[in-house]
Amino acid sequence: MFRTFRFATFASILTLGAFASNASAAELQVVASFSIIADLAKNVGGDRVEISTLVPVDGDAHVYEPRPADAASLEQAQVVLVNGLQFEGFMSRLIETSGTKAPVVEVSKGIEPLKTAEEEHHHENEAHAEAEHDHATEEKVETAHDRDHEGHHHGEFDPHAWQSIHNAEIYVKNIADAFCETDKAGCATYTANSQAYLAKLADLEAEVKAAVAAIPEDKRTIITSHDAFGYFEHEYGLKFIAPEGVSTEAEASAADVAKLVDQVKEDKASAIFVENITNSRLAEQIARETGLTIGGTLYSDALSGKGGPASTYIDMFRYNVNTLKAAILGS
């Protein structure tokens, strides 16, 4: 009898193990390029998806170097989610190396992209060079800024589109469509999950607008480490200026910093903030030279770890706006 019970128990364990294995195998295998997209995807996919993230929390996608494990993840993926807009410079090489057959979905598709300040400066310099070319010297004038940033032109559009909640809603819809296309049996679940999450984003939008409205208009100029908040500025009415461009890859020159210090004094900026993905040294230098107080850390291109204040997209947005408001108003 004891042998019969032991055999039955062992058979039950095998059955449960096989069930768990099948359940795991049934999950949609998704790779997200960085943590913000991964969180949006988790809210859409729920228990039907298993998500791997390439750039870790608090990581900088601008300078990320892929690992062999990343290629293996892509090879096994059924869906690959990327931001697009030339944000993940490492991605095309990694996709080619991995040999993945999965669809690569640019979740920013359909947004209205903003031109980068770099691109506007680039065109201004081109026009300036053409004008100088008409002079008798026939010599092209190249500025110190051009030399300092040579090789660091990061495309026509600002890739940080998730800094607008409206754009995040478009991301969510694109993710749901991608999941439905690959896993038609789960489409009803993905649709329901995305609708529930979109309702949360609508509530967040109202909360953010109310918080910004409480900040006096003459105190809405902010200094950050790199130019990651253009969409936030466009959507919610704060003004962000930064010594670095849309990528952290190119360091700010001494001339850039000096120009920013002058701009800070002219625009009467209210506070300066460091970012979780950047070194605080540059922000501290600017704070010393302008007399501004560092108002805290903002989360721009990556979420925090689970124990941090910005471990989800909604937490990140809420934390950022509350940090901005508290530093400016002193509350």
C-alpha atoms as a PDB file:
ATOM      1  CA  MET A   1       0.000   0.000   0.000  1.00  0.00           C
ATOM      2  CA  PHE A   2       2.847   2.362   0.885  1.00  0.00           C
ATOM      3  CA  ARG A   3       4.447   1.618  -2.492  1.00  0.00           C
ATOM      4  CA  THR A   4       1.151   2.335  -4.257  1.00  0.00           C
ATOM      5  CA  PHE A   5       0.794   5.686  -2.445  1.00  0.00           C
ATOM      6  CA  ARG A   6       4.401   6.618  -3.185  1.00  0.00           C
ATOM      7  CA  PHE A   7       3.949   5.752  -6.851  1.00  0.00           C
ATOM      8  CA  ALA A   8       0.700   7.733  -7.035  1.00  0.00           C
ATOM      9  CA  THR A   9       2.360  10.728  -5.413  1.00  0.00           C
ATOM     10  CA  PHE A  10       5.308  10.509  -7.790  1.00  0.00           C
ATOM     11  CA  ALA A  11       2.919  10.272 -10.756  1.00  0.00           C
ATOM     12  CA  SER A  12       1.050  13.341  -9.497  1.00  0.00           C
ATOM     13  CA  ILE A  13       4.294  15.284  -9.217  1.00  0.00           C
ATOM     14  CA  LEU A  14       5.186  14.331 -12.784  1.00  0.00           C
ATOM     15  CA  THR A  15       1.744  15.415 -13.977  1.00  0.00           C
ATOM     16  CA  LEU A  16       1.996  18.758 -12.180  1.00  0.00           C
ATOM     17  CA  GLY A  17       5.501  19.271 -13.526  1.00  0.00           C
ATOM     18  CA  ALA A  18       4.346  18.560 -17.062  1.00  0.00           C
ATOM     19  CA  PHE A  19       1.419  20.982 -16.610  1.00  0.00           C
ATOM     20  CA  ALA A  20       3.730  23.721 -15.317  1.00  0.00           C
ATOM     21  CA  SER A  21       6.100  23.108 -18.203  1.00  0.00           C
ATOM     22  CA  ASN A  22       3.277  23.336 -20.735  1.00  0.00           C
ATOM     23  CA  ALA A  23       1.948  26.513 -19.084  1.00  0.00           C
ATOM     24  CA  SER A  24       5.404  28.054 -19.271  1.00  0.00           C
ATOM     25  CA  ALA A  25       5.803  26.980 -22.883  1.00  0.00           C
ATOM     26  CA  ALA A  26       2.431  28.588 -23.697  1.00  0.00           C
ATOM     27  CA  GLU A  27       3.622  32.009 -22.526  1.00  0.00           C
ATOM     28  CA  LEU A  28       4.443  34.447 -25.292  1.00  0.00           C
ATOM     29  CA  GLN A  29       8.200  35.009 -25.270  1.00  0.00           C
ATOM     30  CA  VAL A  30       8.834  38.755 -25.487  1.00  0.00           C
ATOM     31  CA  VAL A  31      12.070  40.744 -25.471  1.00  0.00           C
ATOM     32  CA  ALA A  32      11.898  44.461 -24.653  1.00  0.00           C
ATOM     33  CA  SER A  33      14.854  46.704 -25.382  1.00  0.00           C
ATOM     34  CA  PHE A  34      14.677  48.602 -22.069  1.00  0.00           C
ATOM     35  CA  SER A  35      12.777  48.721 -18.791  1.00  0.00           C
ATOM     36  CA  ILE A  36      10.083  51.296 -19.628  1.00  0.00           C
ATOM     37  CA  ILE A  37       8.870  49.322 -22.637  1.00  0.00           C
ATOM     38  CA  ALA A  38       9.061  46.124 -20.580  1.00  0.00           C
ATOM     39  CA  ASP A  39       6.727  47.577 -17.954  1.00  0.00           C
ATOM     40  CA  LEU A  40       4.181  48.715 -20.554  1.00  0.00           C
ATOM     41  CA  ALA A  41       4.342  45.244 -22.108  1.00  0.00           C
ATOM     42  CA  LYS A  42       3.764  43.541 -18.740  1.00  0.00           C
ATOM     43  CA  ASN A  43       0.616  45.579 -18.232  1.00  0.00           C
ATOM     44  CA  VAL A  44      -0.674  44.517 -21.645  1.00  0.00           C
ATOM     45  CA  GLY A  45       0.456  40.912 -21.547  1.00  0.00           C
ATOM     46  CA  GLY A  46      -0.244  39.971 -17.953  1.00  0.00           C
ATOM     47  CA  ASP A  47       0.264  36.278 -17.206  1.00  0.00           C
ATOM     48  CA  ARG A  48       0.265  35.310 -20.874  1.00  0.00           C
ATOM     49  CA  VAL A  49       3.709  36.764 -21.554  1.00  0.00           C
ATOM     50  CA  GLU A  50       7.236  36.204 -20.327  1.00  0.00           C
ATOM     51  CA  ILE A  51       9.338  39.322 -20.799  1.00  0.00           C
ATOM     52  CA  SER A  52      13.108  39.639 -20.955  1.00  0.00           C
ATOM     53  CA  THR A  53      14.662  43.109 -20.816  1.00  0.00           C
ATOM     54  CA  LEU A  54      17.966  43.929 -22.502  1.00  0.00           C
ATOM     55  CA  VAL A  55      19.027  47.237 -20.902  1.00  0.00           C
ATOM     56  CA  PRO A  56      18.553  46.773 -17.137  1.00  0.00           C
ATOM     57  CA  VAL A  57      16.843  49.124 -14.688  1.00  0.00           C
ATOM     58  CA  ASP A  58      18.854  52.311 -14.106  1.00  0.00           C
ATOM     59  CA  GLY A  59      20.739  51.441 -17.315  1.00  0.00           C
ATOM     60  CA  ASP A  60      21.608  53.819 -20.143  1.00  0.00           C
ATOM     61  CA  ALA A  61      20.435  52.534 -23.534  1.00  0.00           C
ATOM     62  CA  HIS A  62      22.478  55.202 -25.339  1.00  0.00           C
ATOM     63  CA  VAL A  63      25.754  53.512 -24.423  1.00  0.00           C
ATOM     64  CA  TYR A  64      24.612  49.934 -23.751  1.00  0.00           C
ATOM     65  CA  GLU A  65      26.865  47.119 -24.952  1.00  0.00           C
ATOM     66  CA  PRO A  66      24.943  43.879 -25.641  1.00  0.00           C
ATOM     67  CA  ARG A  67      26.000  40.601 -24.022  1.00  0.00           C
ATOM     68  CA  PRO A  68      25.992  37.103 -25.578  1.00  0.00           C
ATOM     69  CA  ALA A  69      22.924  36.316 -23.449  1.00  0.00           C
ATOM     70  CA  ASP A  70      21.036  39.112 -25.214  1.00  0.00           C
ATOM     71  CA  ALA A  71      21.533  37.457 -28.594  1.00  0.00           C
ATOM     72  CA  ALA A  72      20.287  34.175 -27.109  1.00  0.00           C
ATOM     73  CA  SER A  73      17.168  35.929 -25.755  1.00  0.00           C
ATOM     74  CA  LEU A  74      16.401  37.412 -29.165  1.00  0.00           C
ATOM     75  CA  GLU A  75      16.901  34.054 -30.854  1.00  0.00           C
ATOM     76  CA  GLN A  76      14.174  32.526 -28.633  1.00  0.00           C
ATOM     77  CA  ALA A  77      11.823  35.524 -28.803  1.00  0.00           C
ATOM     78  CA  GLN A  78       8.435  35.487 -30.477  1.00  0.00           C
ATOM     79  CA  VAL A  79       8.077  39.282 -30.314  1.00  0.00           C
ATOM     80  CA  VAL A  80      10.805  41.938 -29.972  1.00  0.00           C
ATOM     81  CA  LEU A  81       9.754  45.400 -28.753  1.00  0.00           C
ATOM     82  CA  VAL A  82      11.941  48.440 -29.407  1.00  0.00           C
ATOM     83  CA  ASN A  83      11.364  52.155 -29.084  1.00  0.00           C
ATOM     84  CA  GLY A  84      12.665  53.117 -32.519  1.00  0.00           C
ATOM     85  CA  LEU A  85      13.527  56.702 -33.526  1.00  0.00           C
ATOM     86  CA  GLN A  86      17.211  55.665 -33.398  1.00  0.00           C
ATOM     87  CA  PHE A  87      17.096  55.331 -29.605  1.00  0.00           C
ATOM     88  CA  GLU A  88      18.667  51.870 -29.382  1.00  0.00           C
ATOM     89  CA  GLY A  89      21.828  52.259 -31.422  1.00  0.00           C
ATOM     90  CA  PHE A  90      22.948  48.749 -30.512  1.00  0.00           C
ATOM     91  CA  MET A  91      19.789  47.007 -31.661  1.00  0.00           C
ATOM     92  CA  SER A  92      20.252  46.477 -35.404  1.00  0.00           C
ATOM     93  CA  ARG A  93      23.626  44.822 -34.863  1.00  0.00           C
ATOM     94  CA  LEU A  94      22.221  42.617 -32.106  1.00  0.00           C
ATOM     95  CA  ILE A  95      19.229  41.543 -34.207  1.00  0.00           C
ATOM     96  CA  GLU A  96      21.518  40.568 -37.063  1.00  0.00           C
ATOM     97  CA  THR A  97      23.843  38.646 -34.736  1.00  0.00           C
ATOM     98  CA  SER A  98      21.005  36.760 -33.057  1.00  0.00           C
ATOM     99  CA  GLY A  99      19.369  35.604 -36.271  1.00  0.00           C
ATOM    100  CA  THR A 100      15.960  36.083 -34.659  1.00  0.00           C
ATOM    101  CA  LYS A 101      12.887  35.401 -36.778  1.00  0.00           C
ATOM    102  CA  ALA A 102      10.602  37.325 -34.428  1.00  0.00           C
ATOM    103  CA  PRO A 103       8.834  40.480 -35.594  1.00  0.00           C
ATOM    104  CA  VAL A 104      10.647  43.601 -34.386  1.00  0.00           C
ATOM    105  CA  VAL A 105       7.993  46.118 -33.364  1.00  0.00           C
ATOM    106  CA  GLU A 106       8.764  49.833 -33.050  1.00  0.00           C
ATOM    107  CA  VAL A 107       6.322  50.815 -30.332  1.00  0.00           C
ATOM    108  CA  SER A 108       6.687  54.540 -31.078  1.00  0.00           C
ATOM    109  CA  LYS A 109       5.080  54.075 -34.504  1.00  0.00           C
ATOM    110  CA  GLY A 110       2.246  56.553 -34.989  1.00  0.00           C
ATOM    111  CA  ILE A 111       3.401  59.262 -32.594  1.00  0.00           C
ATOM    112  CA  GLU A 112       4.125  62.808 -33.763  1.00  0.00           C
ATOM    113  CA  PRO A 113       7.923  62.985 -33.268  1.00  0.00           C
ATOM    114  CA  LEU A 114       9.602  66.185 -32.166  1.00  0.00           C
ATOM    115  CA  LYS A 115      12.661  67.516 -33.945  1.00  0.00           C
ATOM    116  CA  THR A 116      15.764  67.499 -31.787  1.00  0.00           C
ATOM    117  CA  ALA A 117      17.532  70.680 -30.767  1.00  0.00           C
ATOM    118  CA  GLU A 118      20.635  69.016 -32.210  1.00  0.00           C
ATOM    119  CA  GLU A 119      18.923  68.691 -35.583  1.00  0.00           C
ATOM    120  CA  GLU A 120      17.835  72.319 -35.588  1.00  0.00           C
ATOM    121  CA  HIS A 121      21.390  73.379 -34.685  1.00  0.00           C
ATOM    122  CA  HIS A 122      22.720  71.071 -37.387  1.00  0.00           C
ATOM    123  CA  HIS A 123      20.550  72.747 -40.053  1.00  0.00           C
ATOM    124  CA  GLU A 124      21.483  76.197 -38.765  1.00  0.00           C
ATOM    125  CA  ASN A 125      25.165  75.313 -39.119  1.00  0.00           C
ATOM    126  CA  GLU A 126      24.584  73.994 -42.653  1.00  0.00           C
ATOM    127  CA  ALA A 127      22.889  77.249 -43.645  1.00  0.00           C
ATOM    128  CA  HIS A 128      25.681  79.222 -42.008  1.00  0.00           C
ATOM    129  CA  ALA A 129      28.318  77.214 -43.863  1.00  0.00           C
ATOM    130  CA  GLU A 130      26.550  77.763 -47.187  1.00  0.00           C
ATOM    131  CA  ALA A 131      26.445  81.521 -46.569  1.00  0.00           C
ATOM    132  CA  GLU A 132      30.137  81.582 -45.682  1.00  0.00           C
ATOM    133  CA  HIS A 133      30.922  79.570 -48.791  1.00  0.00           C
ATOM    134  CA  ASP A 134      29.782  82.541 -50.881  1.00  0.00           C
ATOM    135  CA  HIS A 135      32.519  84.691 -49.403  1.00  0.00           C
ATOM    136  CA  ALA A 136      35.755  85.239 -51.344  1.00  0.00           C
ATOM    137  CA  THR A 137      37.725  82.991 -49.051  1.00  0.00           C
ATOM    138  CA  GLU A 138      35.656  79.958 -50.079  1.00  0.00           C
ATOM    139  CA  GLU A 139      36.477  78.522 -46.645  1.00  0.00           C
ATOM    140  CA  LYS A 140      33.935  76.566 -44.680  1.00  0.00           C
ATOM    141  CA  VAL A 141      33.446  77.879 -41.149  1.00  0.00           C
ATOM    142  CA  GLU A 142      33.270  75.192 -38.497  1.00  0.00           C
ATOM    143  CA  THR A 143      32.292  76.086 -34.938  1.00  0.00           C
ATOM    144  CA  ALA A 144      33.803  74.638 -31.777  1.00  0.00           C
ATOM    145  CA  HIS A 145      30.391  73.061 -31.059  1.00  0.00           C
ATOM    146  CA  ASP A 146      30.518  71.222 -34.395  1.00  0.00           C
ATOM    147  CA  ARG A 147      33.998  69.853 -33.661  1.00  0.00           C
ATOM    148  CA  ASP A 148      33.058  68.785 -30.158  1.00  0.00           C
ATOM    149  CA  HIS A 149      29.976  66.930 -31.429  1.00  0.00           C
ATOM    150  CA  GLU A 150      31.371  65.491 -34.630  1.00  0.00           C
ATOM    151  CA  GLY A 151      30.242  61.867 -34.965  1.00  0.00           C
ATOM    152  CA  HIS A 152      27.488  62.335 -32.377  1.00  0.00           C
ATOM    153  CA  HIS A 153      24.572  63.391 -34.566  1.00  0.00           C
ATOM    154  CA  HIS A 154      21.678  61.318 -33.268  1.00  0.00           C
ATOM    155  CA  GLY A 155      19.026  61.685 -35.909  1.00  0.00           C
ATOM    156  CA  GLU A 156      16.329  64.097 -36.868  1.00  0.00           C
ATOM    157  CA  PHE A 157      13.856  63.296 -34.093  1.00  0.00           C
ATOM    158  CA  ASP A 158      13.914  63.145 -30.318  1.00  0.00           C
ATOM    159  CA  PRO A 159      13.464  59.458 -29.376  1.00  0.00           C
ATOM    160  CA  HIS A 160      12.252  60.022 -25.778  1.00  0.00           C
ATOM    161  CA  ALA A 161       8.593  59.939 -26.778  1.00  0.00           C
ATOM    162  CA  TRP A 162       7.443  58.047 -23.656  1.00  0.00           C
ATOM    163  CA  GLN A 163       7.878  61.282 -21.682  1.00  0.00           C
ATOM    164  CA  SER A 164       4.399  62.150 -22.942  1.00  0.00           C
ATOM    165  CA  ILE A 165       1.609  60.037 -21.456  1.00  0.00           C
ATOM    166  CA  HIS A 166      -0.371  60.477 -24.671  1.00  0.00           C
ATOM    167  CA  ASN A 167       2.506  58.845 -26.548  1.00  0.00           C
ATOM    168  CA  ALA A 168       2.663  56.047 -23.971  1.00  0.00           C
ATOM    169  CA  GLU A 169      -0.965  55.311 -24.837  1.00  0.00           C
ATOM    170  CA  ILE A 170       0.111  54.834 -28.461  1.00  0.00           C
ATOM    171  CA  TYR A 171       2.919  52.553 -27.274  1.00  0.00           C
ATOM    172  CA  VAL A 172       0.376  50.440 -25.376  1.00  0.00           C
ATOM    173  CA  LYS A 173      -1.908  50.113 -28.403  1.00  0.00           C
ATOM    174  CA  ASN A 174       1.018  49.080 -30.611  1.00  0.00           C
ATOM    175  CA  ILE A 175       2.103  46.477 -28.066  1.00  0.00           C
ATOM    176  CA  ALA A 176      -1.428  45.064 -27.819  1.00  0.00           C
ATOM    177  CA  ASP A 177      -1.651  44.851 -31.626  1.00  0.00           C
ATOM    178  CA  ALA A 178       1.707  43.058 -31.792  1.00  0.00           C
ATOM    179  CA  PHE A 179       0.688  40.539 -29.142  1.00  0.00           C
ATOM    180  CA  CYS A 180      -2.668  39.921 -30.838  1.00  0.00           C
ATOM    181  CA  GLU A 181      -0.949  39.357 -34.175  1.00  0.00           C
ATOM    182  CA  THR A 182       1.415  36.747 -32.726  1.00  0.00           C
ATOM    183  CA  ASP A 183      -0.919  35.148 -30.168  1.00  0.00           C
ATOM    184  CA  LYS A 184      -4.421  35.364 -31.598  1.00  0.00           C
ATOM    185  CA  ALA A 185      -5.828  33.104 -28.884  1.00  0.00           C
ATOM    186  CA  GLY A 186      -4.856  35.642 -26.257  1.00  0.00           C
ATOM    187  CA  CYS A 187      -6.084  38.719 -28.104  1.00  0.00           C
ATOM    188  CA  ALA A 188      -9.169  39.229 -25.932  1.00  0.00           C
ATOM    189  CA  THR A 189      -6.943  39.209 -22.840  1.00  0.00           C
ATOM    190  CA  TYR A 190      -4.461  41.669 -24.342  1.00  0.00           C
ATOM    191  CA  THR A 191      -7.277  43.977 -25.421  1.00  0.00           C
ATOM    192  CA  ALA A 192      -8.921  43.933 -21.991  1.00  0.00           C
ATOM    193  CA  ASN A 193      -5.589  44.460 -20.215  1.00  0.00           C
ATOM    194  CA  SER A 194      -4.637  47.360 -22.465  1.00  0.00           C
ATOM    195  CA  GLN A 195      -8.005  49.061 -21.983  1.00  0.00           C
ATOM    196  CA  ALA A 196      -7.697  48.779 -18.199  1.00  0.00           C
ATOM    197  CA  TYR A 197      -4.168  50.180 -18.312  1.00  0.00           C
ATOM    198  CA  LEU A 198      -5.146  53.019 -20.650  1.00  0.00           C
ATOM    199  CA  ALA A 199      -7.733  54.076 -18.064  1.00  0.00           C
ATOM    200  CA  LYS A 200      -4.945  54.276 -15.467  1.00  0.00           C
ATOM    201  CA  LEU A 201      -2.860  56.382 -17.842  1.00  0.00           C
ATOM    202  CA  ALA A 202      -5.794  58.762 -18.341  1.00  0.00           C
ATOM    203  CA  ASP A 203      -5.994  59.235 -14.571  1.00  0.00           C
ATOM    204  CA  LEU A 204      -2.237  59.817 -14.451  1.00  0.00           C
ATOM    205  CA  GLU A 205      -2.490  62.449 -17.200  1.00  0.00           C
ATOM    206  CA  ALA A 206      -5.023  64.426 -15.183  1.00  0.00           C
ATOM    207  CA  GLU A 207      -2.841  64.145 -12.077  1.00  0.00           C
ATOM    208  CA  VAL A 208       0.276  65.390 -13.886  1.00  0.00           C
ATOM    209  CA  LYS A 209      -1.522  68.345 -15.463  1.00  0.00           C
ATOM    210  CA  ALA A 210      -2.916  69.372 -12.077  1.00  0.00           C
ATOM    211  CA  ALA A 211       0.561  69.198 -10.503  1.00  0.00           C
ATOM    212  CA  VAL A 212       2.134  71.329 -13.244  1.00  0.00           C
ATOM    213  CA  ALA A 213      -0.721  73.850 -13.062  1.00  0.00           C
ATOM    214  CA  ALA A 214       0.211  74.456  -9.414  1.00  0.00           C
ATOM    215  CA  ILE A 215       3.701  75.659 -10.464  1.00  0.00           C
ATOM    216  CA  PRO A 216       3.852  79.397 -11.261  1.00  0.00           C
ATOM    217  CA  GLU A 217       4.659  80.036 -14.925  1.00  0.00           C
ATOM    218  CA  ASP A 218       7.759  82.081 -14.073  1.00  0.00           C
ATOM    219  CA  LYS A 219       9.241  79.102 -12.186  1.00  0.00           C
ATOM    220  CA  ARG A 220       8.879  76.465 -14.877  1.00  0.00           C
ATOM    221  CA  THR A 221      12.440  76.425 -16.276  1.00  0.00           C
ATOM    222  CA  ILE A 222      14.339  73.283 -15.273  1.00  0.00           C
ATOM    223  CA  ILE A 223      17.932  72.092 -15.821  1.00  0.00           C
ATOM    224  CA  THR A 224      18.560  68.379 -16.423  1.00  0.00           C
ATOM    225  CA  SER A 225      21.634  66.344 -17.329  1.00  0.00           C
ATOM    226  CA  HIS A 226      20.686  65.447 -20.909  1.00  0.00           C
ATOM    227  CA  ASP A 227      17.884  66.466 -23.237  1.00  0.00           C
ATOM    228  CA  ALA A 228      15.388  63.699 -22.429  1.00  0.00           C
ATOM    229  CA  PHE A 229      12.305  65.711 -21.491  1.00  0.00           C
ATOM    230  CA  GLY A 230      11.375  67.440 -24.756  1.00  0.00           C
ATOM    231  CA  TYR A 231       8.046  65.625 -24.978  1.00  0.00           C
ATOM    232  CA  PHE A 232       7.281  66.421 -21.329  1.00  0.00           C
ATOM    233  CA  GLU A 233       7.987  70.083 -22.093  1.00  0.00           C
ATOM    234  CA  HIS A 234       5.813  70.041 -25.206  1.00  0.00           C
ATOM    235  CA  GLU A 235       2.924  68.290 -23.466  1.00  0.00           C
ATOM    236  CA  TYR A 236       2.859  69.858 -20.016  1.00  0.00           C
ATOM    237  CA  GLY A 237       4.428  73.310 -20.262  1.00  0.00           C
ATOM    238  CA  LEU A 238       7.662  73.071 -18.297  1.00  0.00           C
ATOM    239  CA  LYS A 239      10.865  74.224 -19.995  1.00  0.00           C
ATOM    240  CA  PHE A 240      13.855  71.867 -19.835  1.00  0.00           C
ATOM    241  CA  ILE A 241      17.390  72.855 -20.809  1.00  0.00           C
ATOM    242  CA  ALA A 242      20.389  70.540 -20.713  1.00  0.00           C
ATOM    243  CA  PRO A 243      24.157  70.644 -21.384  1.00  0.00           C
ATOM    244  CA  GLU A 244      24.023  67.353 -23.290  1.00  0.00           C
ATOM    245  CA  GLY A 245      21.908  66.494 -26.319  1.00  0.00           C
ATOM    246  CA  VAL A 246      19.326  63.726 -26.682  1.00  0.00           C
ATOM    247  CA  SER A 247      22.072  61.125 -26.199  1.00  0.00           C
ATOM    248  CA  THR A 248      24.366  60.787 -23.198  1.00  0.00           C
ATOM    249  CA  GLU A 249      27.077  59.467 -25.527  1.00  0.00           C
ATOM    250  CA  ALA A 250      28.425  62.925 -26.365  1.00  0.00           C
ATOM    251  CA  GLU A 251      29.863  64.840 -23.426  1.00  0.00           C
ATOM    252  CA  ALA A 252      29.135  68.531 -23.103  1.00  0.00           C
ATOM    253  CA  SER A 253      32.039  70.806 -23.999  1.00  0.00           C
ATOM    254  CA  ALA A 254      33.273  73.657 -21.819  1.00  0.00           C
ATOM    255  CA  ALA A 255      31.689  76.081 -24.301  1.00  0.00           C
ATOM    256  CA  ASP A 256      28.333  74.279 -23.987  1.00  0.00           C
ATOM    257  CA  VAL A 257      28.453  74.469 -20.200  1.00  0.00           C
ATOM    258  CA  ALA A 258      29.399  78.162 -20.243  1.00  0.00           C
ATOM    259  CA  LYS A 259      26.543  78.903 -22.646  1.00  0.00           C
ATOM    260  CA  LEU A 260      24.126  76.970 -20.418  1.00  0.00           C
ATOM    261  CA  VAL A 261      25.238  78.879 -17.315  1.00  0.00           C
ATOM    262  CA  ASP A 262      24.488  82.144 -19.126  1.00  0.00           C
ATOM    263  CA  GLN A 263      21.115  80.796 -20.241  1.00  0.00           C
ATOM    264  CA  VAL A 264      20.260  79.707 -16.698  1.00  0.00           C
ATOM    265  CA  LYS A 265      20.915  83.209 -15.409  1.00  0.00           C
ATOM    266  CA  GLU A 266      18.928  84.789 -18.232  1.00  0.00           C
ATOM    267  CA  ASP A 267      15.933  82.447 -17.950  1.00  0.00           C
ATOM    268  CA  LYS A 268      16.019  82.380 -14.142  1.00  0.00           C
ATOM    269  CA  ALA A 269      15.857  78.604 -13.879  1.00  0.00           C
ATOM    270  CA  SER A 270      14.257  77.299 -10.696  1.00  0.00           C
ATOM    271  CA  ALA A 271      16.215  74.108 -10.047  1.00  0.00           C
ATOM    272  CA  ILE A 272      18.659  71.584 -11.472  1.00  0.00           C
ATOM    273  CA  PHE A 273      18.173  67.822 -11.426  1.00  0.00           C
ATOM    274  CA  VAL A 274      20.385  64.803 -11.954  1.00  0.00           C
ATOM    275  CA  GLU A 275      19.141  61.729 -13.789  1.00  0.00           C
ATOM    276  CA  ASN A 276      19.294  58.123 -12.688  1.00  0.00           C
ATOM    277  CA  ILE A 277      21.231  57.135 -15.833  1.00  0.00           C
ATOM    278  CA  THR A 278      23.842  59.913 -15.773  1.00  0.00           C
ATOM    279  CA  ASN A 279      26.811  60.957 -13.657  1.00  0.00           C
ATOM    280  CA  SER A 280      25.924  63.789 -11.282  1.00  0.00           C
ATOM    281  CA  ARG A 281      29.292  65.557 -11.735  1.00  0.00           C
ATOM    282  CA  LEU A 282      28.151  67.888 -14.528  1.00  0.00           C
ATOM    283  CA  ALA A 283      24.948  68.869 -12.724  1.00  0.00           C
ATOM    284  CA  GLU A 284      26.939  69.606  -9.568  1.00  0.00           C
ATOM    285  CA  GLN A 285      29.332  71.836 -11.552  1.00  0.00           C
ATOM    286  CA  ILE A 286      26.450  73.826 -13.040  1.00  0.00           C
ATOM    287  CA  ALA A 287      24.812  74.106  -9.627  1.00  0.00           C
ATOM    288  CA  ARG A 288      28.011  75.602  -8.198  1.00  0.00           C
ATOM    289  CA  GLU A 289      28.357  78.098 -11.046  1.00  0.00           C
ATOM    290  CA  THR A 290      24.741  79.237 -10.993  1.00  0.00           C
ATOM    291  CA  GLY A 291      23.891  78.998  -7.307  1.00  0.00           C
ATOM    292  CA  LEU A 292      21.010  76.640  -8.043  1.00  0.00           C
ATOM    293  CA  THR A 293      20.094  73.842  -5.676  1.00  0.00           C
ATOM    294  CA  ILE A 294      20.020  70.265  -6.952  1.00  0.00           C
ATOM    295  CA  GLY A 295      16.374  69.331  -6.582  1.00  0.00           C
ATOM    296  CA  GLY A 296      16.783  65.568  -6.700  1.00  0.00           C
ATOM    297  CA  THR A 297      16.938  62.729  -9.212  1.00  0.00           C
ATOM    298  CA  LEU A 298      14.641  62.353 -12.205  1.00  0.00           C
ATOM    299  CA  TYR A 299      14.027  59.071 -14.030  1.00  0.00           C
ATOM    300  CA  SER A 300      14.348  59.676 -17.744  1.00  0.00           C
ATOM    301  CA  ASP A 301      15.414  56.661 -19.836  1.00  0.00           C
ATOM    302  CA  ALA A 302      15.057  53.811 -17.354  1.00  0.00           C
ATOM    303  CA  LEU A 303      13.003  52.697 -14.383  1.00  0.00           C
ATOM    304  CA  SER A 304      14.391  52.109 -10.911  1.00  0.00           C
ATOM    305  CA  GLY A 305      14.709  48.678  -9.327  1.00  0.00           C
ATOM    306  CA  LYS A 306      11.729  47.129  -7.537  1.00  0.00           C
ATOM    307  CA  GLY A 307      12.597  48.803  -4.239  1.00  0.00           C
ATOM    308  CA  GLY A 308      13.041  52.219  -5.861  1.00  0.00           C
ATOM    309  CA  PRO A 309      10.572  55.068  -6.329  1.00  0.00           C
ATOM    310  CA  ALA A 310      10.098  54.548 -10.076  1.00  0.00           C
ATOM    311  CA  SER A 311       9.789  50.818 -10.605  1.00  0.00           C
ATOM    312  CA  THR A 312       6.843  51.182 -13.024  1.00  0.00           C
ATOM    313  CA  TYR A 313       6.045  53.687 -15.758  1.00  0.00           C
ATOM    314  CA  ILE A 314       3.193  55.189 -13.722  1.00  0.00           C
ATOM    315  CA  ASP A 315       5.361  55.413 -10.601  1.00  0.00           C
ATOM    316  CA  MET A 316       8.133  57.025 -12.669  1.00  0.00           C
ATOM    317  CA  PHE A 317       5.895  59.736 -14.059  1.00  0.00           C
ATOM    318  CA  ARG A 318       4.256  60.436 -10.704  1.00  0.00           C
ATOM    319  CA  TYR A 319       7.612  60.536  -8.909  1.00  0.00           C
ATOM    320  CA  ASN A 320       9.176  62.869 -11.500  1.00  0.00           C
ATOM    321  CA  VAL A 321       6.379  65.428 -11.440  1.00  0.00           C
ATOM    322  CA  ASN A 322       6.140  65.380  -7.647  1.00  0.00           C
ATOM    323  CA  THR A 323       9.923  65.793  -7.373  1.00  0.00           C
ATOM    324  CA  LEU A 324       9.844  68.737  -9.768  1.00  0.00           C
ATOM    325  CA  LYS A 325       6.971  70.383  -7.953  1.00  0.00           C
ATOM    326  CA  ALA A 326       8.497  69.907  -4.488  1.00  0.00           C
ATOM    327  CA  ALA A 327      11.887  71.304  -5.527  1.00  0.00           C
ATOM    328  CA  ILE A 328      10.395  74.358  -7.238  1.00  0.00           C
ATOM    329  CA  LEU A 329       7.819  75.213  -4.609  1.00  0.00           C
ATOM    330  CA  GLY A 330       9.934  74.121  -1.649  1.00  0.00           C
ATOM    331  CA  SER A 331       7.278  71.752  -0.354  1.00  0.00           C
END
